[in-house]
Amino acid sequence: MVLRVTAVRKGFGTRQVLRGVSFEARAGQLVGIVGENGAGKTTLLRILSGDLRPDAGHVDLAGARGYCPQYPVLDEELTMRQHLRLFQVAYRLPDPGLALRLIEALSATGYLDAPVKVLSGGTRQKLNLTLALMHDPDVVLLDEPYQGFDWETYLRFWDLAQELKGRGRTVVVVSHLAHDTARLDALHHLRDGRLEPPPAAGTS
């Protein structure tokens, strides 16, 4: 298994958000986790990304991870191209080639030299997604990754997810709605801090 989550628990004060979450994901698998707002999806993803420590349980993740948070953390004054350069240095990449190909696939090339402060929410999300993928991680963690996308870009997102899957990457998509479940290999429902067993796996 590339990703194994075992009995993860997390609380904030007296509120128990995660109550023993366990699941596994293999290489080349597209996994969905859905739940209502406040169900603990973002908390779980932050724990998977290493951004937050669980109170109990553990996460075993093999390889590099890429994390696309629900709300982009971007510098309003920097352009898209400058963000790519910063992350290229952070990831120690020899060039931004993959990032530029992702930007092109998401139809955002025309905004490369525009500062983030003038970009629409959907275009910011395209940059957010690109920054999570540009180092070609083994495990991709996506929190509401297509919010703000128009229909065409939404379909391109799923094409990209299938491409990642085909190259043996593990993709975890978290959303409050179970859209396009047939594209997923496994779908988990997060309710009351626990994951319900997935139904029969869909095929894409």
C-alpha atoms as a PDB file:
ATOM      1  CA  MET A   1       0.000   0.000   0.000  1.00  0.00           C
ATOM      2  CA  VAL A   2       1.176   3.503  -0.806  1.00  0.00           C
ATOM      3  CA  LEU A   3      -1.133   5.074   1.788  1.00  0.00           C
ATOM      4  CA  ARG A   4      -2.370   3.427   4.976  1.00  0.00           C
ATOM      5  CA  VAL A   5      -4.395   5.338   7.562  1.00  0.00           C
ATOM      6  CA  THR A   6      -4.958   3.546  10.855  1.00  0.00           C
ATOM      7  CA  ALA A   7      -7.389   4.568  13.617  1.00  0.00           C
ATOM      8  CA  VAL A   8      -6.743   8.303  13.246  1.00  0.00           C
ATOM      9  CA  ARG A   9      -8.406  10.494  15.853  1.00  0.00           C
ATOM     10  CA  LYS A  10      -8.428  14.267  16.182  1.00  0.00           C
ATOM     11  CA  GLY A  11     -10.270  16.665  18.439  1.00  0.00           C
ATOM     12  CA  PHE A  12     -10.326  20.390  19.024  1.00  0.00           C
ATOM     13  CA  GLY A  13     -11.184  21.181  22.623  1.00  0.00           C
ATOM     14  CA  THR A  14     -14.171  19.045  23.563  1.00  0.00           C
ATOM     15  CA  ARG A  15     -15.192  18.442  19.945  1.00  0.00           C
ATOM     16  CA  GLN A  16     -14.064  15.136  18.474  1.00  0.00           C
ATOM     17  CA  VAL A  17     -13.724  15.668  14.734  1.00  0.00           C
ATOM     18  CA  LEU A  18     -12.211  12.326  13.715  1.00  0.00           C
ATOM     19  CA  ARG A  19     -13.135   9.215  15.684  1.00  0.00           C
ATOM     20  CA  GLY A  20     -10.891   6.466  14.419  1.00  0.00           C
ATOM     21  CA  VAL A  21     -10.557   6.843  10.638  1.00  0.00           C
ATOM     22  CA  SER A  22      -8.920   3.965   8.744  1.00  0.00           C
ATOM     23  CA  PHE A  23      -8.497   3.326   5.019  1.00  0.00           C
ATOM     24  CA  GLU A  24      -5.907   2.243   2.468  1.00  0.00           C
ATOM     25  CA  ALA A  25      -4.994   3.283  -1.060  1.00  0.00           C
ATOM     26  CA  ARG A  26      -2.783   1.597  -3.621  1.00  0.00           C
ATOM     27  CA  ALA A  27      -0.546   2.989  -6.338  1.00  0.00           C
ATOM     28  CA  GLY A  28      -2.561   3.896  -9.418  1.00  0.00           C
ATOM     29  CA  GLN A  29      -5.793   4.267  -7.453  1.00  0.00           C
ATOM     30  CA  LEU A  30      -8.253   7.172  -7.520  1.00  0.00           C
ATOM     31  CA  VAL A  31      -9.978   7.463  -4.136  1.00  0.00           C
ATOM     32  CA  GLY A  32     -12.848   9.758  -3.179  1.00  0.00           C
ATOM     33  CA  ILE A  33     -13.791  10.883   0.337  1.00  0.00           C
ATOM     34  CA  VAL A  34     -17.100  12.722   0.622  1.00  0.00           C
ATOM     35  CA  GLY A  35     -18.937  14.227   3.538  1.00  0.00           C
ATOM     36  CA  GLU A  36     -21.044  17.171   4.555  1.00  0.00           C
ATOM     37  CA  ASN A  37     -19.475  20.480   5.528  1.00  0.00           C
ATOM     38  CA  GLY A  38     -18.000  20.105   9.007  1.00  0.00           C
ATOM     39  CA  ALA A  39     -17.637  16.335   8.696  1.00  0.00           C
ATOM     40  CA  GLY A  40     -13.871  16.521   9.201  1.00  0.00           C
ATOM     41  CA  LYS A  41     -12.699  16.133   5.602  1.00  0.00           C
ATOM     42  CA  THR A  42     -10.228  19.007   5.645  1.00  0.00           C
ATOM     43  CA  THR A  43      -8.920  17.960   9.067  1.00  0.00           C
ATOM     44  CA  LEU A  44      -8.293  14.471   7.717  1.00  0.00           C
ATOM     45  CA  LEU A  45      -6.529  15.803   4.639  1.00  0.00           C
ATOM     46  CA  ARG A  46      -4.343  18.111   6.727  1.00  0.00           C
ATOM     47  CA  ILE A  47      -3.289  15.095   8.773  1.00  0.00           C
ATOM     48  CA  LEU A  48      -2.537  13.111   5.605  1.00  0.00           C
ATOM     49  CA  SER A  49      -0.465  16.014   4.276  1.00  0.00           C
ATOM     50  CA  GLY A  50       1.576  16.240   7.476  1.00  0.00           C
ATOM     51  CA  ASP A  51       0.263  19.721   8.221  1.00  0.00           C
ATOM     52  CA  LEU A  52      -1.555  18.544  11.380  1.00  0.00           C
ATOM     53  CA  ARG A  53      -0.719  15.851  13.917  1.00  0.00           C
ATOM     54  CA  PRO A  54      -3.401  13.339  14.927  1.00  0.00           C
ATOM     55  CA  ASP A  55      -4.226  12.814  18.588  1.00  0.00           C
ATOM     56  CA  ALA A  56      -4.065   9.061  18.039  1.00  0.00           C
ATOM     57  CA  GLY A  57      -3.503   6.619  15.199  1.00  0.00           C
ATOM     58  CA  HIS A  58      -0.984   6.974  12.429  1.00  0.00           C
ATOM     59  CA  VAL A  59      -0.494   7.588   8.717  1.00  0.00           C
ATOM     60  CA  ASP A  60       1.946   5.578   6.609  1.00  0.00           C
ATOM     61  CA  LEU A  61       2.650   7.218   3.261  1.00  0.00           C
ATOM     62  CA  ALA A  62       5.287   6.037   0.803  1.00  0.00           C
ATOM     63  CA  GLY A  63       6.974   8.575  -1.459  1.00  0.00           C
ATOM     64  CA  ALA A  64       6.472  12.288  -2.017  1.00  0.00           C
ATOM     65  CA  ARG A  65       3.118  13.918  -1.442  1.00  0.00           C
ATOM     66  CA  GLY A  66       1.377  16.833  -3.084  1.00  0.00           C
ATOM     67  CA  TYR A  67      -1.310  18.777  -1.217  1.00  0.00           C
ATOM     68  CA  CYS A  68      -3.875  21.089  -2.772  1.00  0.00           C
ATOM     69  CA  PRO A  69      -5.759  22.810   0.096  1.00  0.00           C
ATOM     70  CA  GLN A  70      -9.312  23.985  -0.327  1.00  0.00           C
ATOM     71  CA  TYR A  71      -8.347  27.641   0.064  1.00  0.00           C
ATOM     72  CA  PRO A  72      -5.264  28.687  -1.936  1.00  0.00           C
ATOM     73  CA  VAL A  73      -2.405  30.148   0.083  1.00  0.00           C
ATOM     74  CA  LEU A  74      -0.968  32.512  -2.487  1.00  0.00           C
ATOM     75  CA  ASP A  75       0.824  35.862  -2.442  1.00  0.00           C
ATOM     76  CA  GLU A  76      -1.531  38.460  -3.864  1.00  0.00           C
ATOM     77  CA  GLU A  77       1.294  40.580  -5.281  1.00  0.00           C
ATOM     78  CA  LEU A  78       3.187  37.819  -7.096  1.00  0.00           C
ATOM     79  CA  THR A  79       2.357  36.601 -10.583  1.00  0.00           C
ATOM     80  CA  MET A  80       1.602  33.009 -11.467  1.00  0.00           C
ATOM     81  CA  ARG A  81       5.026  32.694 -13.062  1.00  0.00           C
ATOM     82  CA  GLN A  82       6.726  33.979  -9.901  1.00  0.00           C
ATOM     83  CA  HIS A  83       4.827  31.415  -7.826  1.00  0.00           C
ATOM     84  CA  LEU A  84       6.024  28.670 -10.148  1.00  0.00           C
ATOM     85  CA  ARG A  85       9.594  29.897  -9.770  1.00  0.00           C
ATOM     86  CA  LEU A  86       9.357  29.947  -5.966  1.00  0.00           C
ATOM     87  CA  PHE A  87       8.000  26.408  -5.838  1.00  0.00           C
ATOM     88  CA  GLN A  88      10.524  25.245  -8.420  1.00  0.00           C
ATOM     89  CA  VAL A  89      13.269  26.327  -6.017  1.00  0.00           C
ATOM     90  CA  ALA A  90      11.446  24.831  -3.008  1.00  0.00           C
ATOM     91  CA  TYR A  91      11.021  21.484  -4.770  1.00  0.00           C
ATOM     92  CA  ARG A  92      14.576  21.686  -6.179  1.00  0.00           C
ATOM     93  CA  LEU A  93      13.353  21.137  -9.711  1.00  0.00           C
ATOM     94  CA  PRO A  94      15.748  21.728 -12.625  1.00  0.00           C
ATOM     95  CA  ASP A  95      13.088  23.556 -14.631  1.00  0.00           C
ATOM     96  CA  PRO A  96       9.371  24.461 -14.481  1.00  0.00           C
ATOM     97  CA  GLY A  97       8.500  22.315 -17.498  1.00  0.00           C
ATOM     98  CA  LEU A  98       5.851  20.159 -15.848  1.00  0.00           C
ATOM     99  CA  ALA A  99       4.252  23.190 -14.177  1.00  0.00           C
ATOM    100  CA  LEU A 100       3.985  25.015 -17.491  1.00  0.00           C
ATOM    101  CA  ARG A 101       2.422  21.957 -19.120  1.00  0.00           C
ATOM    102  CA  LEU A 102      -0.128  21.775 -16.305  1.00  0.00           C
ATOM    103  CA  ILE A 103      -0.932  25.472 -16.666  1.00  0.00           C
ATOM    104  CA  GLU A 104      -1.443  24.937 -20.389  1.00  0.00           C
ATOM    105  CA  ALA A 105      -3.653  21.881 -19.820  1.00  0.00           C
ATOM    106  CA  LEU A 106      -5.811  23.969 -17.485  1.00  0.00           C
ATOM    107  CA  SER A 107      -6.047  26.816 -20.045  1.00  0.00           C
ATOM    108  CA  ALA A 108      -4.322  29.342 -17.791  1.00  0.00           C
ATOM    109  CA  THR A 109      -1.236  30.199 -19.859  1.00  0.00           C
ATOM    110  CA  GLY A 110      -2.611  33.656 -20.640  1.00  0.00           C
ATOM    111  CA  TYR A 111      -2.468  34.572 -16.944  1.00  0.00           C
ATOM    112  CA  LEU A 112       1.151  33.610 -16.257  1.00  0.00           C
ATOM    113  CA  ASP A 113       2.315  37.206 -15.859  1.00  0.00           C
ATOM    114  CA  ALA A 114      -0.772  38.472 -14.037  1.00  0.00           C
ATOM    115  CA  PRO A 115      -0.578  39.081 -10.268  1.00  0.00           C
ATOM    116  CA  VAL A 116      -2.737  36.797  -8.169  1.00  0.00           C
ATOM    117  CA  LYS A 117      -4.803  39.728  -6.882  1.00  0.00           C
ATOM    118  CA  VAL A 118      -6.450  40.191 -10.302  1.00  0.00           C
ATOM    119  CA  LEU A 119      -7.214  36.512 -10.904  1.00  0.00           C
ATOM    120  CA  SER A 120     -10.644  34.937 -10.589  1.00  0.00           C
ATOM    121  CA  GLY A 121     -11.268  32.264  -7.982  1.00  0.00           C
ATOM    122  CA  GLY A 122     -11.204  29.555 -10.634  1.00  0.00           C
ATOM    123  CA  THR A 123      -7.864  30.723 -12.050  1.00  0.00           C
ATOM    124  CA  ARG A 124      -6.365  30.888  -8.567  1.00  0.00           C
ATOM    125  CA  GLN A 125      -7.475  27.311  -8.077  1.00  0.00           C
ATOM    126  CA  LYS A 126      -5.732  26.311 -11.302  1.00  0.00           C
ATOM    127  CA  LEU A 127      -2.503  27.750  -9.884  1.00  0.00           C
ATOM    128  CA  ASN A 128      -3.179  26.073  -6.534  1.00  0.00           C
ATOM    129  CA  LEU A 129      -3.577  22.701  -8.255  1.00  0.00           C
ATOM    130  CA  THR A 130      -0.472  23.222 -10.389  1.00  0.00           C
ATOM    131  CA  LEU A 131       1.673  24.007  -7.336  1.00  0.00           C
ATOM    132  CA  ALA A 132       0.532  20.737  -5.738  1.00  0.00           C
ATOM    133  CA  LEU A 133       1.397  18.671  -8.815  1.00  0.00           C
ATOM    134  CA  MET A 134       4.460  20.322 -10.331  1.00  0.00           C
ATOM    135  CA  HIS A 135       6.965  18.068  -8.498  1.00  0.00           C
ATOM    136  CA  ASP A 136       5.138  14.929  -9.727  1.00  0.00           C
ATOM    137  CA  PRO A 137       4.306  13.519  -6.266  1.00  0.00           C
ATOM    138  CA  ASP A 138       3.553   9.860  -5.609  1.00  0.00           C
ATOM    139  CA  VAL A 139       0.470  10.659  -3.526  1.00  0.00           C
ATOM    140  CA  VAL A 140      -1.796  13.573  -4.464  1.00  0.00           C
ATOM    141  CA  LEU A 141      -4.143  14.978  -1.791  1.00  0.00           C
ATOM    142  CA  LEU A 142      -6.835  17.269  -3.209  1.00  0.00           C
ATOM    143  CA  ASP A 143      -9.340  19.213  -1.090  1.00  0.00           C
ATOM    144  CA  GLU A 144     -12.292  20.418  -3.214  1.00  0.00           C
ATOM    145  CA  PRO A 145      -9.839  20.732  -6.132  1.00  0.00           C
ATOM    146  CA  TYR A 146     -12.296  21.827  -8.823  1.00  0.00           C
ATOM    147  CA  GLN A 147     -14.116  24.586  -6.955  1.00  0.00           C
ATOM    148  CA  GLY A 148     -14.581  27.596  -9.222  1.00  0.00           C
ATOM    149  CA  PHE A 149     -13.859  25.607 -12.398  1.00  0.00           C
ATOM    150  CA  ASP A 150     -16.091  25.943 -15.417  1.00  0.00           C
ATOM    151  CA  TRP A 151     -17.413  22.767 -17.015  1.00  0.00           C
ATOM    152  CA  GLU A 152     -14.599  22.446 -19.544  1.00  0.00           C
ATOM    153  CA  THR A 153     -11.907  22.830 -16.891  1.00  0.00           C
ATOM    154  CA  TYR A 154     -13.783  20.434 -14.610  1.00  0.00           C
ATOM    155  CA  LEU A 155     -13.562  17.770 -17.336  1.00  0.00           C
ATOM    156  CA  ARG A 156      -9.893  18.566 -17.883  1.00  0.00           C
ATOM    157  CA  PHE A 157      -9.330  18.042 -14.172  1.00  0.00           C
ATOM    158  CA  TRP A 158     -10.692  14.505 -14.419  1.00  0.00           C
ATOM    159  CA  ASP A 159      -8.571  13.854 -17.503  1.00  0.00           C
ATOM    160  CA  LEU A 160      -5.570  14.947 -15.474  1.00  0.00           C
ATOM    161  CA  ALA A 161      -6.595  12.718 -12.555  1.00  0.00           C
ATOM    162  CA  GLN A 162      -6.848   9.757 -14.924  1.00  0.00           C
ATOM    163  CA  GLU A 163      -3.427  10.563 -16.354  1.00  0.00           C
ATOM    164  CA  LEU A 164      -1.935  10.608 -12.853  1.00  0.00           C
ATOM    165  CA  LYS A 165      -3.621   7.321 -12.057  1.00  0.00           C
ATOM    166  CA  GLY A 166      -2.300   5.806 -15.288  1.00  0.00           C
ATOM    167  CA  ARG A 167       1.236   6.753 -14.255  1.00  0.00           C
ATOM    168  CA  GLY A 168       0.848   4.907 -10.971  1.00  0.00           C
ATOM    169  CA  ARG A 169       0.110   7.908  -8.772  1.00  0.00           C
ATOM    170  CA  THR A 170      -2.332   7.661  -5.876  1.00  0.00           C
ATOM    171  CA  VAL A 171      -4.962  10.400  -6.009  1.00  0.00           C
ATOM    172  CA  VAL A 172      -7.238  11.221  -3.047  1.00  0.00           C
ATOM    173  CA  VAL A 173     -10.062  13.653  -3.843  1.00  0.00           C
ATOM    174  CA  VAL A 174     -12.048  15.139  -0.957  1.00  0.00           C
ATOM    175  CA  SER A 175     -15.388  16.800  -1.683  1.00  0.00           C
ATOM    176  CA  HIS A 176     -18.690  17.611  -0.007  1.00  0.00           C
ATOM    177  CA  LEU A 177     -20.592  16.135  -2.959  1.00  0.00           C
ATOM    178  CA  ALA A 178     -20.144  12.741  -4.605  1.00  0.00           C
ATOM    179  CA  HIS A 179     -19.833  13.875  -8.218  1.00  0.00           C
ATOM    180  CA  ASP A 180     -18.783  11.474 -10.989  1.00  0.00           C
ATOM    181  CA  THR A 181     -18.355   8.523  -8.650  1.00  0.00           C
ATOM    182  CA  ALA A 182     -17.942   6.166 -11.616  1.00  0.00           C
ATOM    183  CA  ARG A 183     -14.521   7.755 -12.172  1.00  0.00           C
ATOM    184  CA  LEU A 184     -13.332   6.561  -8.741  1.00  0.00           C
ATOM    185  CA  ASP A 185     -11.818   3.236  -7.775  1.00  0.00           C
ATOM    186  CA  ALA A 186     -13.058   3.612  -4.192  1.00  0.00           C
ATOM    187  CA  LEU A 187     -15.469   6.002  -2.487  1.00  0.00           C
ATOM    188  CA  HIS A 188     -15.582   6.549   1.278  1.00  0.00           C
ATOM    189  CA  HIS A 189     -18.253   8.499   3.155  1.00  0.00           C
ATOM    190  CA  LEU A 190     -17.120  10.466   6.198  1.00  0.00           C
ATOM    191  CA  ARG A 191     -19.924  10.777   8.720  1.00  0.00           C
ATOM    192  CA  ASP A 192     -19.735  11.680  12.391  1.00  0.00           C
ATOM    193  CA  GLY A 193     -15.958  11.439  12.338  1.00  0.00           C
ATOM    194  CA  ARG A 194     -15.856   7.942  10.904  1.00  0.00           C
ATOM    195  CA  LEU A 195     -15.448   6.501   7.415  1.00  0.00           C
ATOM    196  CA  GLU A 196     -18.206   4.186   6.328  1.00  0.00           C
ATOM    197  CA  PRO A 197     -17.099   1.107   4.359  1.00  0.00           C
ATOM    198  CA  PRO A 198     -16.992   1.908   0.624  1.00  0.00           C
ATOM    199  CA  PRO A 199     -19.555   0.368  -1.705  1.00  0.00           C
ATOM    200  CA  ALA A 200     -18.496  -1.701  -4.700  1.00  0.00           C
ATOM    201  CA  ALA A 201     -15.660   0.102  -6.456  1.00  0.00           C
ATOM    202  CA  GLY A 202     -16.463   2.055  -9.586  1.00  0.00           C
ATOM    203  CA  THR A 203     -14.416   1.750 -12.718  1.00  0.00           C
ATOM    204  CA  SER A 204     -13.325   4.580 -14.939  1.00  0.00           C
END
